[in-house]
Amino acid sequence: MKTLAVLSLVVSAALAACGSDGGDAPPGTPFPDPTELTGLTGAAEDVLSQWVVDRLGQGFVANCEDAQRPDDIGKVCVSLLAQRDGRLAYQMGPTFSEFTRLFVLEPREGAWAIIYEASYSGEVTSIPWPLAVGAQVIVSTESDCLQVRDEPGLAAVPIDCLDNGTEVVINAGPTERDAFTWWRLEGLGWVAGEFLAYPLE
């Protein structure tokens, strides 16, 4: 079984893309490359169970509603949050407590693969499904705002800054530059797609 290779965004680049002047990268920032568990078949929960065993070393309950006291105290459980285009979004957390992680999985070559994983606190209001031209999405950042630039890239001129939760439409992209994936927003300019997400339906 392969161990997970977790990649993190460079904080300084993330801050430059967001327009923040300090602090940590916002929760929910996706990895630049998909994190995958390969060689597993069966239910998506099987992949999440293996992630819990490998990363946390804890017991697992495949559905938080099925957790039983006292047997499942101290374990981790998941709950299916949403589905889109064959992909699944799950919340994860300690049994009998608040959720603390969000996962997105998709089927790849007969097995489920984790394509997004992040810690969070509070309520989930958006999901980082893969972006596409024509998608109606929202700005998803905990920084002051998301920089809009006249061209893709951190060196491009900032022309606007969008508040968290702003609704936008993607009309061009993607373009890879400066460790970010850039998308053009209708009537606005270019932004780092790592800070766009689909609203929770």
C-alpha atoms as a PDB file:
ATOM      1  CA  MET A   1       0.000   0.000   0.000  1.00  0.00           C
ATOM      2  CA  LYS A   2       1.447   3.334  -0.999  1.00  0.00           C
ATOM      3  CA  THR A   3       1.642   5.994   1.642  1.00  0.00           C
ATOM      4  CA  LEU A   4       0.055   9.333   0.912  1.00  0.00           C
ATOM      5  CA  ALA A   5       2.296  12.089  -0.335  1.00  0.00           C
ATOM      6  CA  VAL A   6       0.777  15.298   0.917  1.00  0.00           C
ATOM      7  CA  LEU A   7       1.697  18.461  -0.941  1.00  0.00           C
ATOM      8  CA  SER A   8       1.007  21.911   0.480  1.00  0.00           C
ATOM      9  CA  LEU A   9       0.819  25.263  -1.237  1.00  0.00           C
ATOM     10  CA  VAL A  10       3.604  27.736  -0.625  1.00  0.00           C
ATOM     11  CA  VAL A  11       2.120  30.168   1.871  1.00  0.00           C
ATOM     12  CA  SER A  12       3.765  33.267   0.420  1.00  0.00           C
ATOM     13  CA  ALA A  13       2.431  32.529  -3.063  1.00  0.00           C
ATOM     14  CA  ALA A  14      -1.039  31.851  -1.689  1.00  0.00           C
ATOM     15  CA  LEU A  15      -1.029  35.146   0.156  1.00  0.00           C
ATOM     16  CA  ALA A  16       0.092  36.991  -2.955  1.00  0.00           C
ATOM     17  CA  ALA A  17      -2.697  35.422  -4.987  1.00  0.00           C
ATOM     18  CA  CYS A  18      -5.301  36.265  -2.353  1.00  0.00           C
ATOM     19  CA  GLY A  19      -4.140  39.744  -1.583  1.00  0.00           C
ATOM     20  CA  SER A  20      -3.576  39.092   2.118  1.00  0.00           C
ATOM     21  CA  ASP A  21      -0.630  40.643   3.897  1.00  0.00           C
ATOM     22  CA  GLY A  22       0.013  37.931   6.423  1.00  0.00           C
ATOM     23  CA  GLY A  23      -1.269  34.919   8.331  1.00  0.00           C
ATOM     24  CA  ASP A  24      -1.706  31.333   7.264  1.00  0.00           C
ATOM     25  CA  ALA A  25      -3.066  30.074   3.960  1.00  0.00           C
ATOM     26  CA  PRO A  26      -6.852  29.832   4.209  1.00  0.00           C
ATOM     27  CA  PRO A  27      -8.454  26.555   5.307  1.00  0.00           C
ATOM     28  CA  GLY A  28      -9.817  24.650   2.358  1.00  0.00           C
ATOM     29  CA  THR A  29      -6.860  25.436   0.111  1.00  0.00           C
ATOM     30  CA  PRO A  30      -6.557  22.433  -2.205  1.00  0.00           C
ATOM     31  CA  PHE A  31      -3.310  20.674  -2.992  1.00  0.00           C
ATOM     32  CA  PRO A  32      -1.751  21.664  -6.331  1.00  0.00           C
ATOM     33  CA  ASP A  33      -1.727  18.015  -7.412  1.00  0.00           C
ATOM     34  CA  PRO A  34      -4.333  15.357  -6.552  1.00  0.00           C
ATOM     35  CA  THR A  35      -3.623  13.222  -3.511  1.00  0.00           C
ATOM     36  CA  GLU A  36      -4.405   9.644  -4.469  1.00  0.00           C
ATOM     37  CA  LEU A  37      -4.796   6.269  -2.831  1.00  0.00           C
ATOM     38  CA  THR A  38      -4.345   3.716  -5.595  1.00  0.00           C
ATOM     39  CA  GLY A  39      -4.922   0.001  -5.781  1.00  0.00           C
ATOM     40  CA  LEU A  40      -8.139   0.081  -3.756  1.00  0.00           C
ATOM     41  CA  THR A  41     -11.549  -0.930  -5.011  1.00  0.00           C
ATOM     42  CA  GLY A  42     -14.964  -0.967  -3.414  1.00  0.00           C
ATOM     43  CA  ALA A  43     -16.805   1.832  -1.676  1.00  0.00           C
ATOM     44  CA  ALA A  44     -15.444   5.351  -1.323  1.00  0.00           C
ATOM     45  CA  GLU A  45     -15.651   4.858   2.433  1.00  0.00           C
ATOM     46  CA  ASP A  46     -12.998   2.110   2.100  1.00  0.00           C
ATOM     47  CA  VAL A  47     -10.496   4.695   0.843  1.00  0.00           C
ATOM     48  CA  LEU A  48     -11.384   7.076   3.653  1.00  0.00           C
ATOM     49  CA  SER A  49     -11.055   4.258   6.171  1.00  0.00           C
ATOM     50  CA  GLN A  50      -7.554   3.500   4.875  1.00  0.00           C
ATOM     51  CA  TRP A  51      -6.677   7.224   5.071  1.00  0.00           C
ATOM     52  CA  VAL A  52      -7.767   7.291   8.719  1.00  0.00           C
ATOM     53  CA  VAL A  53      -5.730   4.185   9.564  1.00  0.00           C
ATOM     54  CA  ASP A  54      -2.610   5.413   7.710  1.00  0.00           C
ATOM     55  CA  ARG A  55      -2.720   9.048   8.790  1.00  0.00           C
ATOM     56  CA  LEU A  56      -4.475   9.083  12.148  1.00  0.00           C
ATOM     57  CA  GLY A  57      -4.089   5.533  13.454  1.00  0.00           C
ATOM     58  CA  GLN A  58      -7.674   5.518  14.707  1.00  0.00           C
ATOM     59  CA  GLY A  59     -10.750   3.369  14.303  1.00  0.00           C
ATOM     60  CA  PHE A  60     -13.259   4.226  11.597  1.00  0.00           C
ATOM     61  CA  VAL A  61     -17.043   4.300  11.268  1.00  0.00           C
ATOM     62  CA  ALA A  62     -18.306   4.491   7.669  1.00  0.00           C
ATOM     63  CA  ASN A  63     -21.379   6.572   8.564  1.00  0.00           C
ATOM     64  CA  CYS A  64     -21.495   8.928  11.541  1.00  0.00           C
ATOM     65  CA  GLU A  65     -25.199   8.172  12.039  1.00  0.00           C
ATOM     66  CA  ASP A  66     -24.312   4.512  12.678  1.00  0.00           C
ATOM     67  CA  ALA A  67     -21.811   5.268  15.487  1.00  0.00           C
ATOM     68  CA  GLN A  68     -22.744   3.596  18.771  1.00  0.00           C
ATOM     69  CA  ARG A  69     -21.789   4.500  22.317  1.00  0.00           C
ATOM     70  CA  PRO A  70     -19.604   3.344  23.986  1.00  0.00           C
ATOM     71  CA  ASP A  71     -18.001   1.136  21.302  1.00  0.00           C
ATOM     72  CA  ASP A  72     -17.262   3.911  18.796  1.00  0.00           C
ATOM     73  CA  ILE A  73     -16.040   6.625  21.184  1.00  0.00           C
ATOM     74  CA  GLY A  74     -12.571   7.758  20.100  1.00  0.00           C
ATOM     75  CA  LYS A  75     -13.084   6.737  16.478  1.00  0.00           C
ATOM     76  CA  VAL A  76     -13.417   8.840  13.322  1.00  0.00           C
ATOM     77  CA  CYS A  77     -16.520   8.839  11.125  1.00  0.00           C
ATOM     78  CA  VAL A  78     -17.671  10.329   7.819  1.00  0.00           C
ATOM     79  CA  SER A  79     -20.906  11.647   6.380  1.00  0.00           C
ATOM     80  CA  LEU A  80     -21.710  12.058   2.683  1.00  0.00           C
ATOM     81  CA  LEU A  81     -22.223  15.778   2.066  1.00  0.00           C
ATOM     82  CA  ALA A  82     -22.852  16.088  -1.683  1.00  0.00           C
ATOM     83  CA  GLN A  83     -22.468  14.461  -5.112  1.00  0.00           C
ATOM     84  CA  ARG A  84     -21.601  16.046  -8.463  1.00  0.00           C
ATOM     85  CA  ASP A  85     -20.653  14.536 -11.831  1.00  0.00           C
ATOM     86  CA  GLY A  86     -19.808  11.154 -10.293  1.00  0.00           C
ATOM     87  CA  ARG A  87     -17.689  12.685  -7.518  1.00  0.00           C
ATOM     88  CA  LEU A  88     -18.447  12.521  -3.804  1.00  0.00           C
ATOM     89  CA  ALA A  89     -17.832  15.026  -1.007  1.00  0.00           C
ATOM     90  CA  TYR A  90     -17.536  13.782   2.573  1.00  0.00           C
ATOM     91  CA  GLN A  91     -17.251  15.451   5.946  1.00  0.00           C
ATOM     92  CA  MET A  92     -15.049  13.719   8.530  1.00  0.00           C
ATOM     93  CA  GLY A  93     -14.608  14.164  12.252  1.00  0.00           C
ATOM     94  CA  PRO A  94     -14.480  12.449  15.630  1.00  0.00           C
ATOM     95  CA  THR A  95     -17.566  10.422  16.452  1.00  0.00           C
ATOM     96  CA  PHE A  96     -20.192  12.341  18.469  1.00  0.00           C
ATOM     97  CA  SER A  97     -18.493  15.664  17.711  1.00  0.00           C
ATOM     98  CA  GLU A  98     -18.159  18.368  15.042  1.00  0.00           C
ATOM     99  CA  PHE A  99     -16.756  17.655  11.580  1.00  0.00           C
ATOM    100  CA  THR A 100     -13.182  18.832  11.031  1.00  0.00           C
ATOM    101  CA  ARG A 101     -12.195  17.719   7.502  1.00  0.00           C
ATOM    102  CA  LEU A 102     -13.596  17.847   3.999  1.00  0.00           C
ATOM    103  CA  PHE A 103     -12.784  15.292   1.276  1.00  0.00           C
ATOM    104  CA  VAL A 104     -13.637  15.072  -2.413  1.00  0.00           C
ATOM    105  CA  LEU A 105     -13.239  11.704  -4.162  1.00  0.00           C
ATOM    106  CA  GLU A 106     -13.603  10.611  -7.764  1.00  0.00           C
ATOM    107  CA  PRO A 107     -13.408   7.226  -9.496  1.00  0.00           C
ATOM    108  CA  ARG A 108     -10.141   6.593 -11.326  1.00  0.00           C
ATOM    109  CA  GLU A 109      -9.294   3.345 -13.086  1.00  0.00           C
ATOM    110  CA  GLY A 110     -11.716   1.286 -11.056  1.00  0.00           C
ATOM    111  CA  ALA A 111     -10.800   2.759  -7.679  1.00  0.00           C
ATOM    112  CA  TRP A 112     -11.766   5.813  -5.673  1.00  0.00           C
ATOM    113  CA  ALA A 113      -9.116   8.532  -5.404  1.00  0.00           C
ATOM    114  CA  ILE A 114      -8.955  11.420  -2.969  1.00  0.00           C
ATOM    115  CA  ILE A 115      -8.556  14.574  -5.065  1.00  0.00           C
ATOM    116  CA  TYR A 116      -9.026  17.095  -2.232  1.00  0.00           C
ATOM    117  CA  GLU A 117      -8.557  17.044   1.542  1.00  0.00           C
ATOM    118  CA  ALA A 118      -8.499  19.942   3.967  1.00  0.00           C
ATOM    119  CA  SER A 119      -9.159  20.776   7.594  1.00  0.00           C
ATOM    120  CA  TYR A 120     -11.850  23.306   8.436  1.00  0.00           C
ATOM    121  CA  SER A 121     -13.948  24.633  11.275  1.00  0.00           C
ATOM    122  CA  GLY A 122     -17.484  25.930  11.229  1.00  0.00           C
ATOM    123  CA  GLU A 123     -20.056  25.266   8.522  1.00  0.00           C
ATOM    124  CA  VAL A 124     -19.203  24.100   5.004  1.00  0.00           C
ATOM    125  CA  THR A 125     -20.682  26.570   2.497  1.00  0.00           C
ATOM    126  CA  SER A 126     -18.809  25.526  -0.655  1.00  0.00           C
ATOM    127  CA  ILE A 127     -17.163  22.471  -2.185  1.00  0.00           C
ATOM    128  CA  PRO A 128     -14.024  22.491  -4.364  1.00  0.00           C
ATOM    129  CA  TRP A 129     -15.368  20.378  -7.214  1.00  0.00           C
ATOM    130  CA  PRO A 130     -13.077  20.594 -10.282  1.00  0.00           C
ATOM    131  CA  LEU A 131     -13.541  23.890 -12.131  1.00  0.00           C
ATOM    132  CA  ALA A 132     -14.642  24.267 -15.752  1.00  0.00           C
ATOM    133  CA  VAL A 133     -15.501  27.019 -18.224  1.00  0.00           C
ATOM    134  CA  GLY A 134     -19.113  28.054 -17.758  1.00  0.00           C
ATOM    135  CA  ALA A 135     -19.226  27.102 -14.072  1.00  0.00           C
ATOM    136  CA  GLN A 136     -21.005  29.414 -11.644  1.00  0.00           C
ATOM    137  CA  VAL A 137     -18.837  29.498  -8.527  1.00  0.00           C
ATOM    138  CA  ILE A 138     -18.069  31.634  -5.494  1.00  0.00           C
ATOM    139  CA  VAL A 139     -14.906  33.152  -4.058  1.00  0.00           C
ATOM    140  CA  SER A 140     -13.718  30.911  -1.215  1.00  0.00           C
ATOM    141  CA  THR A 141     -10.976  32.531   0.861  1.00  0.00           C
ATOM    142  CA  GLU A 142     -10.508  33.681   4.445  1.00  0.00           C
ATOM    143  CA  SER A 143      -8.218  36.497   3.363  1.00  0.00           C
ATOM    144  CA  ASP A 144      -9.496  40.045   2.992  1.00  0.00           C
ATOM    145  CA  CYS A 145     -10.319  39.455  -0.673  1.00  0.00           C
ATOM    146  CA  LEU A 146      -9.232  37.593  -3.804  1.00  0.00           C
ATOM    147  CA  GLN A 147      -7.051  39.565  -6.221  1.00  0.00           C
ATOM    148  CA  VAL A 148      -8.308  39.833  -9.801  1.00  0.00           C
ATOM    149  CA  ARG A 149      -5.525  40.439 -12.325  1.00  0.00           C
ATOM    150  CA  ASP A 150      -5.424  41.622 -15.924  1.00  0.00           C
ATOM    151  CA  GLU A 151      -3.501  38.506 -16.992  1.00  0.00           C
ATOM    152  CA  PRO A 152      -2.798  35.116 -15.395  1.00  0.00           C
ATOM    153  CA  GLY A 153       0.182  35.162 -13.013  1.00  0.00           C
ATOM    154  CA  LEU A 154       1.333  36.796  -9.790  1.00  0.00           C
ATOM    155  CA  ALA A 155       3.248  39.481 -11.705  1.00  0.00           C
ATOM    156  CA  ALA A 156       0.121  40.649 -13.553  1.00  0.00           C
ATOM    157  CA  VAL A 157      -1.505  43.946 -12.579  1.00  0.00           C
ATOM    158  CA  PRO A 158      -4.235  43.690  -9.878  1.00  0.00           C
ATOM    159  CA  ILE A 159      -7.440  45.295 -11.163  1.00  0.00           C
ATOM    160  CA  ASP A 160      -9.993  44.298  -8.528  1.00  0.00           C
ATOM    161  CA  CYS A 161     -10.377  42.395  -5.258  1.00  0.00           C
ATOM    162  CA  LEU A 162     -13.410  40.166  -4.648  1.00  0.00           C
ATOM    163  CA  ASP A 163     -14.918  39.527  -1.226  1.00  0.00           C
ATOM    164  CA  ASN A 164     -15.356  36.002   0.090  1.00  0.00           C
ATOM    165  CA  GLY A 165     -18.643  34.554  -1.164  1.00  0.00           C
ATOM    166  CA  THR A 166     -18.833  36.713  -4.305  1.00  0.00           C
ATOM    167  CA  GLU A 167     -20.665  34.858  -7.096  1.00  0.00           C
ATOM    168  CA  VAL A 168     -18.782  34.711 -10.409  1.00  0.00           C
ATOM    169  CA  VAL A 169     -18.842  32.849 -13.742  1.00  0.00           C
ATOM    170  CA  ILE A 170     -15.744  31.272 -15.307  1.00  0.00           C
ATOM    171  CA  ASN A 171     -15.393  32.050 -19.020  1.00  0.00           C
ATOM    172  CA  ALA A 172     -11.817  31.009 -19.880  1.00  0.00           C
ATOM    173  CA  GLY A 173      -8.937  28.873 -18.653  1.00  0.00           C
ATOM    174  CA  PRO A 174      -7.213  27.074 -17.197  1.00  0.00           C
ATOM    175  CA  THR A 175      -3.708  28.529 -17.462  1.00  0.00           C
ATOM    176  CA  GLU A 176      -0.893  27.238 -15.248  1.00  0.00           C
ATOM    177  CA  ARG A 177       1.487  29.888 -13.940  1.00  0.00           C
ATOM    178  CA  ASP A 178       3.412  30.593 -10.712  1.00  0.00           C
ATOM    179  CA  ALA A 179       2.243  27.327  -9.077  1.00  0.00           C
ATOM    180  CA  PHE A 180      -1.421  28.324  -9.484  1.00  0.00           C
ATOM    181  CA  THR A 181      -4.164  27.431 -11.950  1.00  0.00           C
ATOM    182  CA  TRP A 182      -5.689  30.635 -13.344  1.00  0.00           C
ATOM    183  CA  TRP A 183      -9.220  31.150 -14.653  1.00  0.00           C
ATOM    184  CA  ARG A 184     -10.769  34.224 -16.249  1.00  0.00           C
ATOM    185  CA  LEU A 185     -13.998  35.467 -14.721  1.00  0.00           C
ATOM    186  CA  GLU A 186     -16.741  36.902 -16.894  1.00  0.00           C
ATOM    187  CA  GLY A 187     -16.533  40.698 -16.968  1.00  0.00           C
ATOM    188  CA  LEU A 188     -13.670  40.795 -14.456  1.00  0.00           C
ATOM    189  CA  GLY A 189     -10.230  39.275 -15.085  1.00  0.00           C
ATOM    190  CA  TRP A 190      -8.003  36.404 -13.990  1.00  0.00           C
ATOM    191  CA  VAL A 191      -7.911  34.756 -10.545  1.00  0.00           C
ATOM    192  CA  ALA A 192      -6.196  31.778  -8.944  1.00  0.00           C
ATOM    193  CA  GLY A 193      -8.688  28.931  -9.186  1.00  0.00           C
ATOM    194  CA  GLU A 194      -7.511  27.505  -5.868  1.00  0.00           C
ATOM    195  CA  PHE A 195      -9.746  30.137  -4.254  1.00  0.00           C
ATOM    196  CA  LEU A 196     -12.911  29.377  -6.195  1.00  0.00           C
ATOM    197  CA  ALA A 197     -15.463  26.759  -5.192  1.00  0.00           C
ATOM    198  CA  TYR A 198     -18.993  25.647  -5.951  1.00  0.00           C
ATOM    199  CA  PRO A 199     -21.669  26.773  -3.467  1.00  0.00           C
ATOM    200  CA  LEU A 200     -23.155  23.977  -1.421  1.00  0.00           C
ATOM    201  CA  GLU A 201     -26.498  23.088  -3.003  1.00  0.00           C
END
